[in-house]
PDB file of N, CA and C in Angstrom:
ATOM      1  N   MET A   1     -21.476   1.695 -15.495  1.00  0.00           N
ATOM      2  CA  MET A   1     -22.268   1.081 -14.622  1.00  0.00           C
ATOM      3  C   MET A   1     -23.631   1.069 -14.978  1.00  0.00           C
ATOM      4  N   ASP A   2     -24.185  -0.049 -15.212  1.00  0.00           N
ATOM      5  CA  ASP A   2     -26.010  -0.189 -15.469  1.00  0.00           C
ATOM      6  C   ASP A   2     -26.615  -0.404 -14.031  1.00  0.00           C
ATOM      7  N   LYS A   3     -27.199   0.429 -13.620  1.00  0.00           N
ATOM      8  CA  LYS A   3     -27.733   0.264 -12.279  1.00  0.00           C
ATOM      9  C   LYS A   3     -28.708  -0.784 -12.172  1.00  0.00           C
ATOM     10  N   ASN A   4     -29.007  -0.898 -13.046  1.00  0.00           N
ATOM     11  CA  ASN A   4     -30.282  -2.680 -13.173  1.00  0.00           C
ATOM     12  C   ASN A   4     -29.582  -3.818 -13.535  1.00  0.00           C
ATOM     13  N   HIS A   5     -28.210  -3.706 -14.066  1.00  0.00           N
ATOM     14  CA  HIS A   5     -27.639  -5.138 -14.736  1.00  0.00           C
ATOM     15  C   HIS A   5     -26.702  -4.770 -13.892  1.00  0.00           C
ATOM     16  N   PHE A   6     -26.092  -5.689 -12.977  1.00  0.00           N
ATOM     17  CA  PHE A   6     -24.872  -5.823 -12.517  1.00  0.00           C
ATOM     18  C   PHE A   6     -24.390  -6.777 -11.712  1.00  0.00           C
ATOM     19  N   CYS A   7     -23.195  -6.843 -11.209  1.00  0.00           N
ATOM     20  CA  CYS A   7     -22.992  -8.376 -10.494  1.00  0.00           C
ATOM     21  C   CYS A   7     -22.624  -7.745  -9.057  1.00  0.00           C
ATOM     22  N   ALA A   8     -22.833  -8.776  -8.183  1.00  0.00           N
ATOM     23  CA  ALA A   8     -22.322  -8.279  -6.608  1.00  0.00           C
ATOM     24  C   ALA A   8     -21.375  -9.648  -6.057  1.00  0.00           C
ATOM     25  N   ILE A   9     -20.347  -9.054  -5.274  1.00  0.00           N
ATOM     26  CA  ILE A   9     -19.637 -10.118  -4.547  1.00  0.00           C
ATOM     27  C   ILE A   9     -19.941  -9.850  -3.235  1.00  0.00           C
ATOM     28  N   THR A  10     -20.006 -11.119  -2.320  1.00  0.00           N
ATOM     29  CA  THR A  10     -20.171 -10.809  -1.065  1.00  0.00           C
ATOM     30  C   THR A  10     -18.880 -11.622  -0.590  1.00  0.00           C
ATOM     31  N   PHE A  11     -18.907 -11.066   0.916  1.00  0.00           N
ATOM     32  CA  PHE A  11     -17.597 -11.552   1.892  1.00  0.00           C
ATOM     33  C   PHE A  11     -17.608 -11.850   2.851  1.00  0.00           C
ATOM     34  N   PRO A  12     -17.259 -12.975   3.713  1.00  0.00           N
ATOM     35  CA  PRO A  12     -17.557 -13.014   5.182  1.00  0.00           C
ATOM     36  C   PRO A  12     -16.859 -12.249   5.990  1.00  0.00           C
ATOM     37  N   SER A  13     -16.764 -11.150   5.449  1.00  0.00           N
ATOM     38  CA  SER A  13     -16.213 -10.075   6.760  1.00  0.00           C
ATOM     39  C   SER A  13     -16.372  -8.654   6.002  1.00  0.00           C
ATOM     40  N   THR A  14     -16.949  -7.992   6.692  1.00  0.00           N
ATOM     41  CA  THR A  14     -16.873  -6.050   6.499  1.00  0.00           C
ATOM     42  C   THR A  14     -15.348  -5.865   6.005  1.00  0.00           C
ATOM     43  N   HIS A  15     -14.739  -6.153   7.222  1.00  0.00           N
ATOM     44  CA  HIS A  15     -13.021  -5.982   6.985  1.00  0.00           C
ATOM     45  C   HIS A  15     -12.575  -6.269   5.389  1.00  0.00           C
ATOM     46  N   LEU A  16     -13.233  -7.327   4.731  1.00  0.00           N
ATOM     47  CA  LEU A  16     -13.009  -8.074   3.479  1.00  0.00           C
ATOM     48  C   LEU A  16     -13.336  -7.002   2.390  1.00  0.00           C
ATOM     49  N   ALA A  17     -14.553  -6.828   2.646  1.00  0.00           N
ATOM     50  CA  ALA A  17     -15.216  -5.992   1.526  1.00  0.00           C
ATOM     51  C   ALA A  17     -14.684  -4.500   1.556  1.00  0.00           C
ATOM     52  N   LEU A  18     -14.329  -3.800   2.284  1.00  0.00           N
ATOM     53  CA  LEU A  18     -13.325  -2.633   2.574  1.00  0.00           C
ATOM     54  C   LEU A  18     -11.948  -3.011   2.097  1.00  0.00           C
ATOM     55  N   ARG A  19     -11.561  -3.883   2.341  1.00  0.00           N
ATOM     56  CA  ARG A  19     -10.011  -3.981   1.302  1.00  0.00           C
ATOM     57  C   ARG A  19     -10.202  -4.095   0.110  1.00  0.00           C
ATOM     58  N   TRP A  20     -11.136  -4.936  -0.308  1.00  0.00           N
ATOM     59  CA  TRP A  20     -11.443  -5.519  -1.974  1.00  0.00           C
ATOM     60  C   TRP A  20     -12.309  -4.189  -2.430  1.00  0.00           C
ATOM     61  N   GLU A  21     -12.242  -3.486  -2.005  1.00  0.00           N
ATOM     62  CA  GLU A  21     -13.039  -1.891  -2.469  1.00  0.00           C
ATOM     63  C   GLU A  21     -11.607  -1.152  -2.447  1.00  0.00           C
ATOM     64  N   THR A  22     -10.994  -0.635  -1.900  1.00  0.00           N
ATOM     65  CA  THR A  22      -9.472  -0.420  -1.733  1.00  0.00           C
ATOM     66  C   THR A  22      -8.672  -0.746  -2.937  1.00  0.00           C
ATOM     67  N   LEU A  23      -8.442  -2.148  -2.810  1.00  0.00           N
ATOM     68  CA  LEU A  23      -7.514  -2.595  -3.908  1.00  0.00           C
ATOM     69  C   LEU A  23      -7.539  -2.497  -5.581  1.00  0.00           C
ATOM     70  N   ALA A  24      -9.390  -2.692  -5.501  1.00  0.00           N
ATOM     71  CA  ALA A  24      -9.917  -2.521  -6.797  1.00  0.00           C
ATOM     72  C   ALA A  24     -10.024  -1.212  -7.354  1.00  0.00           C
ATOM     73  N   ILE A  25      -9.921   0.074  -6.696  1.00  0.00           N
ATOM     74  CA  ILE A  25      -9.989   1.123  -6.707  1.00  0.00           C
ATOM     75  C   ILE A  25      -8.638   1.708  -7.263  1.00  0.00           C
ATOM     76  N   LYS A  26      -7.661   0.915  -7.029  1.00  0.00           N
ATOM     77  CA  LYS A  26      -6.411   0.860  -7.159  1.00  0.00           C
ATOM     78  C   LYS A  26      -5.568   0.391  -8.598  1.00  0.00           C
ATOM     79  N   GLU A  27      -6.547  -0.454  -8.727  1.00  0.00           N
ATOM     80  CA  GLU A  27      -6.475  -1.315 -10.224  1.00  0.00           C
ATOM     81  C   GLU A  27      -7.650  -0.674 -11.014  1.00  0.00           C
ATOM     82  N   ASN A  28      -7.813   0.471 -10.881  1.00  0.00           N
ATOM     83  CA  ASN A  28      -9.092   1.328 -11.471  1.00  0.00           C
ATOM     84  C   ASN A  28     -10.023   0.753 -12.019  1.00  0.00           C
ATOM     85  N   LEU A  29     -10.784  -0.250 -11.441  1.00  0.00           N
ATOM     86  CA  LEU A  29     -11.957  -0.835 -11.141  1.00  0.00           C
ATOM     87  C   LEU A  29     -13.121  -0.094 -10.828  1.00  0.00           C
ATOM     88  N   GLU A  30     -13.930   0.407 -11.727  1.00  0.00           N
ATOM     89  CA  GLU A  30     -15.139   1.063 -11.251  1.00  0.00           C
ATOM     90  C   GLU A  30     -16.054  -0.031 -10.252  1.00  0.00           C
ATOM     91  N   VAL A  31     -15.955   0.271  -8.812  1.00  0.00           N
ATOM     92  CA  VAL A  31     -16.809  -0.463  -7.829  1.00  0.00           C
ATOM     93  C   VAL A  31     -17.624   0.154  -6.800  1.00  0.00           C
ATOM     94  N   LYS A  32     -18.128  -0.226  -5.939  1.00  0.00           N
ATOM     95  CA  LYS A  32     -19.156   0.341  -5.346  1.00  0.00           C
ATOM     96  C   LYS A  32     -19.391  -0.853  -3.862  1.00  0.00           C
ATOM     97  N   ILE A  33     -19.313   0.044  -2.740  1.00  0.00           N
ATOM     98  CA  ILE A  33     -19.424  -0.812  -1.784  1.00  0.00           C
ATOM     99  C   ILE A  33     -21.110  -0.577  -1.471  1.00  0.00           C
ATOM    100  N   ILE A  34     -22.483  -1.648  -1.240  1.00  0.00           N
ATOM    101  CA  ILE A  34     -23.446  -1.485  -1.255  1.00  0.00           C
ATOM    102  C   ILE A  34     -23.871  -2.489  -0.065  1.00  0.00           C
ATOM    103  N   PRO A  35     -24.780  -2.436   0.910  1.00  0.00           N
ATOM    104  CA  PRO A  35     -25.680  -3.000   1.521  1.00  0.00           C
ATOM    105  C   PRO A  35     -25.700  -4.431   0.516  1.00  0.00           C
ATOM    106  N   VAL A  36     -25.870  -5.605   1.713  1.00  0.00           N
ATOM    107  CA  VAL A  36     -26.080  -6.765   0.706  1.00  0.00           C
ATOM    108  C   VAL A  36     -27.192  -6.736   0.337  1.00  0.00           C
ATOM    109  N   PRO A  37     -27.572  -6.870  -1.355  1.00  0.00           N
ATOM    110  CA  PRO A  37     -29.080  -7.213  -1.509  1.00  0.00           C
ATOM    111  C   PRO A  37     -30.083  -8.116  -0.917  1.00  0.00           C
ATOM    112  N   ARG A  38     -31.128  -7.586  -0.250  1.00  0.00           N
ATOM    113  CA  ARG A  38     -32.139  -8.170   0.283  1.00  0.00           C
ATOM    114  C   ARG A  38     -32.555  -9.746  -0.362  1.00  0.00           C
ATOM    115  N   GLN A  39     -32.296  -9.601  -1.916  1.00  0.00           N
ATOM    116  CA  GLN A  39     -32.711 -10.653  -2.970  1.00  0.00           C
ATOM    117  C   GLN A  39     -32.069 -11.935  -2.655  1.00  0.00           C
ATOM    118  N   ILE A  40     -30.518 -11.730  -1.736  1.00  0.00           N
ATOM    119  CA  ILE A  40     -29.276 -12.912  -1.596  1.00  0.00           C
ATOM    120  C   ILE A  40     -28.981 -13.388  -0.202  1.00  0.00           C
ATOM    121  N   SER A  41     -29.566 -12.267   0.556  1.00  0.00           N
ATOM    122  CA  SER A  41     -29.397 -12.431   1.779  1.00  0.00           C
ATOM    123  C   SER A  41     -30.398 -11.618   2.748  1.00  0.00           C
ATOM    124  N   SER A  42     -30.723 -12.194   3.638  1.00  0.00           N
ATOM    125  CA  SER A  42     -31.718 -11.090   4.785  1.00  0.00           C
ATOM    126  C   SER A  42     -30.941 -10.707   5.886  1.00  0.00           C
ATOM    127  N   SER A  43     -29.115 -11.004   5.999  1.00  0.00           N
ATOM    128  CA  SER A  43     -28.431 -10.721   6.520  1.00  0.00           C
ATOM    129  C   SER A  43     -28.099  -9.329   6.608  1.00  0.00           C
ATOM    130  N   CYS A  44     -27.373  -8.660   7.350  1.00  0.00           N
ATOM    131  CA  CYS A  44     -26.829  -7.213   7.806  1.00  0.00           C
ATOM    132  C   CYS A  44     -25.622  -7.936   6.783  1.00  0.00           C
ATOM    133  N   GLY A  45     -24.643  -6.456   6.221  1.00  0.00           N
ATOM    134  CA  GLY A  45     -23.379  -6.532   5.700  1.00  0.00           C
ATOM    135  C   GLY A  45     -22.848  -5.905   4.687  1.00  0.00           C
ATOM    136  N   LEU A  46     -22.282  -6.240   3.950  1.00  0.00           N
ATOM    137  CA  LEU A  46     -21.766  -5.111   2.585  1.00  0.00           C
ATOM    138  C   LEU A  46     -21.430  -6.233   1.785  1.00  0.00           C
ATOM    139  N   ALA A  47     -21.625  -6.085   0.360  1.00  0.00           N
ATOM    140  CA  ALA A  47     -21.470  -6.594  -0.779  1.00  0.00           C
ATOM    141  C   ALA A  47     -20.429  -5.400  -1.457  1.00  0.00           C
ATOM    142  N   GLY A  48     -19.905  -6.152  -2.821  1.00  0.00           N
ATOM    143  CA  GLY A  48     -19.223  -5.114  -3.526  1.00  0.00           C
ATOM    144  C   GLY A  48     -20.019  -5.029  -4.742  1.00  0.00           C
ATOM    145  N   LYS A  49     -20.324  -4.047  -5.724  1.00  0.00           N
ATOM    146  CA  LYS A  49     -21.180  -3.946  -6.893  1.00  0.00           C
ATOM    147  C   LYS A  49     -19.758  -3.441  -8.043  1.00  0.00           C
ATOM    148  N   PHE A  50     -20.333  -4.436  -8.827  1.00  0.00           N
ATOM    149  CA  PHE A  50     -19.206  -4.076 -10.191  1.00  0.00           C
ATOM    150  C   PHE A  50     -19.809  -4.478 -11.492  1.00  0.00           C
ATOM    151  N   SER A  51     -19.265  -4.198 -12.470  1.00  0.00           N
ATOM    152  CA  SER A  51     -20.053  -4.530 -13.673  1.00  0.00           C
ATOM    153  C   SER A  51     -19.554  -5.746 -14.111  1.00  0.00           C
ATOM    154  N   CYS A  52     -20.465  -6.668 -14.766  1.00  0.00           N
ATOM    155  CA  CYS A  52     -20.683  -7.789 -14.874  1.00  0.00           C
ATOM    156  C   CYS A  52     -19.295  -8.227 -15.944  1.00  0.00           C
ATOM    157  N   GLU A  53     -18.945  -7.106 -16.877  1.00  0.00           N
ATOM    158  CA  GLU A  53     -18.110  -7.318 -17.842  1.00  0.00           C
ATOM    159  C   GLU A  53     -16.589  -7.395 -17.322  1.00  0.00           C
ATOM    160  N   LYS A  54     -16.397  -7.215 -16.100  1.00  0.00           N
ATOM    161  CA  LYS A  54     -15.352  -6.909 -15.238  1.00  0.00           C
ATOM    162  C   LYS A  54     -15.178  -8.062 -14.508  1.00  0.00           C
ATOM    163  N   LEU A  55     -15.845  -9.311 -14.539  1.00  0.00           N
ATOM    164  CA  LEU A  55     -15.815 -10.153 -13.362  1.00  0.00           C
ATOM    165  C   LEU A  55     -14.306 -10.809 -13.742  1.00  0.00           C
ATOM    166  N   GLU A  56     -13.803 -11.031 -14.669  1.00  0.00           N
ATOM    167  CA  GLU A  56     -12.685 -11.704 -14.677  1.00  0.00           C
ATOM    168  C   GLU A  56     -11.508 -11.305 -13.996  1.00  0.00           C
ATOM    169  N   GLN A  57     -11.542  -9.517 -14.029  1.00  0.00           N
ATOM    170  CA  GLN A  57     -10.620  -8.751 -13.536  1.00  0.00           C
ATOM    171  C   GLN A  57     -10.544  -8.925 -12.336  1.00  0.00           C
ATOM    172  N   VAL A  58     -12.112  -8.773 -11.434  1.00  0.00           N
ATOM    173  CA  VAL A  58     -12.223  -9.263  -9.902  1.00  0.00           C
ATOM    174  C   VAL A  58     -11.854 -10.184  -9.380  1.00  0.00           C
ATOM    175  N   LEU A  59     -11.944 -11.576 -10.344  1.00  0.00           N
ATOM    176  CA  LEU A  59     -11.381 -12.662 -10.007  1.00  0.00           C
ATOM    177  C   LEU A  59     -10.188 -12.639  -9.988  1.00  0.00           C
ATOM    178  N   ASN A  60      -9.610 -12.112 -10.622  1.00  0.00           N
ATOM    179  CA  ASN A  60      -7.917 -12.029 -11.207  1.00  0.00           C
ATOM    180  C   ASN A  60      -7.663 -11.209  -9.684  1.00  0.00           C
ATOM    181  N   LEU A  61      -8.019 -10.158  -9.267  1.00  0.00           N
ATOM    182  CA  LEU A  61      -7.874  -9.148  -8.073  1.00  0.00           C
ATOM    183  C   LEU A  61      -7.695 -10.087  -7.004  1.00  0.00           C
ATOM    184  N   CYS A  62      -9.330 -10.879  -6.673  1.00  0.00           N
ATOM    185  CA  CYS A  62      -9.367 -11.564  -5.369  1.00  0.00           C
ATOM    186  C   CYS A  62      -7.787 -12.711  -5.172  1.00  0.00           C
ATOM    187  N   THR A  63      -8.037 -13.233  -6.414  1.00  0.00           N
ATOM    188  CA  THR A  63      -6.530 -14.410  -6.273  1.00  0.00           C
ATOM    189  C   THR A  63      -5.555 -13.815  -6.185  1.00  0.00           C
ATOM    190  N   GLY A  64      -5.254 -12.950  -6.151  1.00  0.00           N
ATOM    191  CA  GLY A  64      -3.650 -12.016  -6.615  1.00  0.00           C
ATOM    192  C   GLY A  64      -3.532 -11.442  -4.940  1.00  0.00           C
ATOM    193  N   LYS A  65      -4.773 -11.389  -4.140  1.00  0.00           N
ATOM    194  CA  LYS A  65      -4.322 -10.285  -3.192  1.00  0.00           C
ATOM    195  C   LYS A  65      -4.831 -11.452  -2.099  1.00  0.00           C
ATOM    196  N   ASN A  66      -4.810 -12.348  -2.468  1.00  0.00           N
ATOM    197  CA  ASN A  66      -5.826 -13.481  -1.303  1.00  0.00           C
ATOM    198  C   ASN A  66      -7.443 -12.797  -0.773  1.00  0.00           C
ATOM    199  N   ILE A  67      -8.142 -12.584  -1.603  1.00  0.00           N
ATOM    200  CA  ILE A  67      -9.142 -11.657  -0.300  1.00  0.00           C
ATOM    201  C   ILE A  67     -10.268 -12.625  -0.681  1.00  0.00           C
ATOM    202  N   ASP A  68     -10.625 -13.614   0.361  1.00  0.00           N
ATOM    203  CA  ASP A  68     -11.595 -14.138   0.199  1.00  0.00           C
ATOM    204  C   ASP A  68     -13.400 -13.789  -0.102  1.00  0.00           C
ATOM    205  N   PHE A  69     -13.840 -14.415  -0.636  1.00  0.00           N
ATOM    206  CA  PHE A  69     -15.337 -13.742  -1.009  1.00  0.00           C
ATOM    207  C   PHE A  69     -15.994 -15.034  -0.946  1.00  0.00           C
ATOM    208  N   GLU A  70     -17.656 -14.915  -0.646  1.00  0.00           N
ATOM    209  CA  GLU A  70     -18.343 -15.796  -0.881  1.00  0.00           C
ATOM    210  C   GLU A  70     -18.797 -16.361  -1.751  1.00  0.00           C
ATOM    211  N   ASN A  71     -19.412 -15.476  -2.458  1.00  0.00           N
ATOM    212  CA  ASN A  71     -20.197 -15.820  -3.794  1.00  0.00           C
ATOM    213  C   ASN A  71     -20.472 -14.171  -4.390  1.00  0.00           C
ATOM    214  N   ILE A  72     -20.807 -14.623  -6.046  1.00  0.00           N
ATOM    215  CA  ILE A  72     -20.819 -13.691  -6.778  1.00  0.00           C
ATOM    216  C   ILE A  72     -22.121 -13.847  -7.675  1.00  0.00           C
ATOM    217  N   TYR A  73     -22.910 -12.993  -7.717  1.00  0.00           N
ATOM    218  CA  TYR A  73     -23.980 -12.667  -8.066  1.00  0.00           C
ATOM    219  C   TYR A  73     -24.306 -12.121  -9.424  1.00  0.00           C
ATOM    220  N   GLN A  74     -25.035 -12.511 -10.544  1.00  0.00           N
ATOM    221  CA  GLN A  74     -25.232 -11.796 -11.508  1.00  0.00           C
ATOM    222  C   GLN A  74     -26.789 -11.310 -11.303  1.00  0.00           C
ATOM    223  N   PHE A  75     -27.153  -9.816 -11.292  1.00  0.00           N
ATOM    224  CA  PHE A  75     -28.681  -9.223 -11.159  1.00  0.00           C
ATOM    225  C   PHE A  75     -28.916  -8.692 -12.713  1.00  0.00           C
ATOM    226  N   PRO A  76     -30.091  -8.971 -13.123  1.00  0.00           N
ATOM    227  CA  PRO A  76     -30.524  -9.069 -14.459  1.00  0.00           C
ATOM    228  C   PRO A  76     -31.205  -7.798 -14.786  1.00  0.00           C
ATOM    229  N   ALA A  77     -30.980  -7.134 -15.856  1.00  0.00           N
ATOM    230  CA  ALA A  77     -31.614  -6.003 -16.158  1.00  0.00           C
ATOM    231  C   ALA A  77     -33.334  -5.846 -15.331  1.00  0.00           C
ATOM    232  N   GLU A  78     -34.015  -6.735 -15.645  1.00  0.00           N
ATOM    233  CA  GLU A  78     -35.685  -6.606 -15.015  1.00  0.00           C
ATOM    234  C   GLU A  78     -35.251  -6.586 -13.786  1.00  0.00           C
ATOM    235  N   LYS A  79     -36.366  -5.067 -13.661  1.00  0.00           N
ATOM    236  CA  LYS A  79     -36.318  -4.765 -12.041  1.00  0.00           C
ATOM    237  C   LYS A  79     -36.901  -6.252 -11.194  1.00  0.00           C
ATOM    238  N   ASN A  80     -37.873  -6.901 -11.752  1.00  0.00           N
ATOM    239  CA  ASN A  80     -38.073  -8.030 -10.796  1.00  0.00           C
ATOM    240  C   ASN A  80     -37.531  -9.432 -10.658  1.00  0.00           C
ATOM    241  N   GLY A  81     -35.931  -9.202 -11.636  1.00  0.00           N
ATOM    242  CA  GLY A  81     -35.614 -10.663 -12.152  1.00  0.00           C
ATOM    243  C   GLY A  81     -34.853 -11.306 -11.043  1.00  0.00           C
ATOM    244  N   LYS A  82     -34.562 -12.420 -10.679  1.00  0.00           N
ATOM    245  CA  LYS A  82     -33.788 -13.140  -9.749  1.00  0.00           C
ATOM    246  C   LYS A  82     -32.549 -12.885 -10.199  1.00  0.00           C
ATOM    247  N   PRO A  83     -31.737 -12.844  -9.187  1.00  0.00           N
ATOM    248  CA  PRO A  83     -30.133 -12.698  -9.074  1.00  0.00           C
ATOM    249  C   PRO A  83     -29.718 -14.088  -9.368  1.00  0.00           C
ATOM    250  N   GLN A  84     -28.746 -14.236 -10.135  1.00  0.00           N
ATOM    251  CA  GLN A  84     -28.223 -15.826 -10.473  1.00  0.00           C
ATOM    252  C   GLN A  84     -27.247 -15.863  -9.705  1.00  0.00           C
ATOM    253  N   LEU A  85     -26.591 -17.257  -9.212  1.00  0.00           N
ATOM    254  CA  LEU A  85     -25.021 -17.428  -8.989  1.00  0.00           C
ATOM    255  C   LEU A  85     -24.415 -17.782  -9.693  1.00  0.00           C
ATOM    256  N   ILE A  86     -23.264 -16.996 -10.067  1.00  0.00           N
ATOM    257  CA  ILE A  86     -22.421 -17.272 -10.942  1.00  0.00           C
ATOM    258  C   ILE A  86     -20.768 -17.668 -10.588  1.00  0.00           C
ATOM    259  N   LYS A  87     -20.313 -17.746  -9.114  1.00  0.00           N
ATOM    260  CA  LYS A  87     -19.486 -18.498  -8.308  1.00  0.00           C
ATOM    261  C   LYS A  87     -19.715 -18.525  -6.974  1.00  0.00           C
TER     262      LYS A  87
END
């Protein structure tokens, strides 16, 4: 996973973020729980980081396992680039 270009998914609760991580790992998805990036929210919380190439698999996981999420953002490779809301 490129550390500069990635997607992040946000959740309404810490519980859902941790559940998502557990289920994604069981599906052999390379994911990581991170603090919600400051570029998308100043509030505390957890987000899931994953390769944007796996977006469809992440969406299917959330739908299939009834995991509510708030938003998905794509972070550009440029260090100062702004994240884009994609879902």
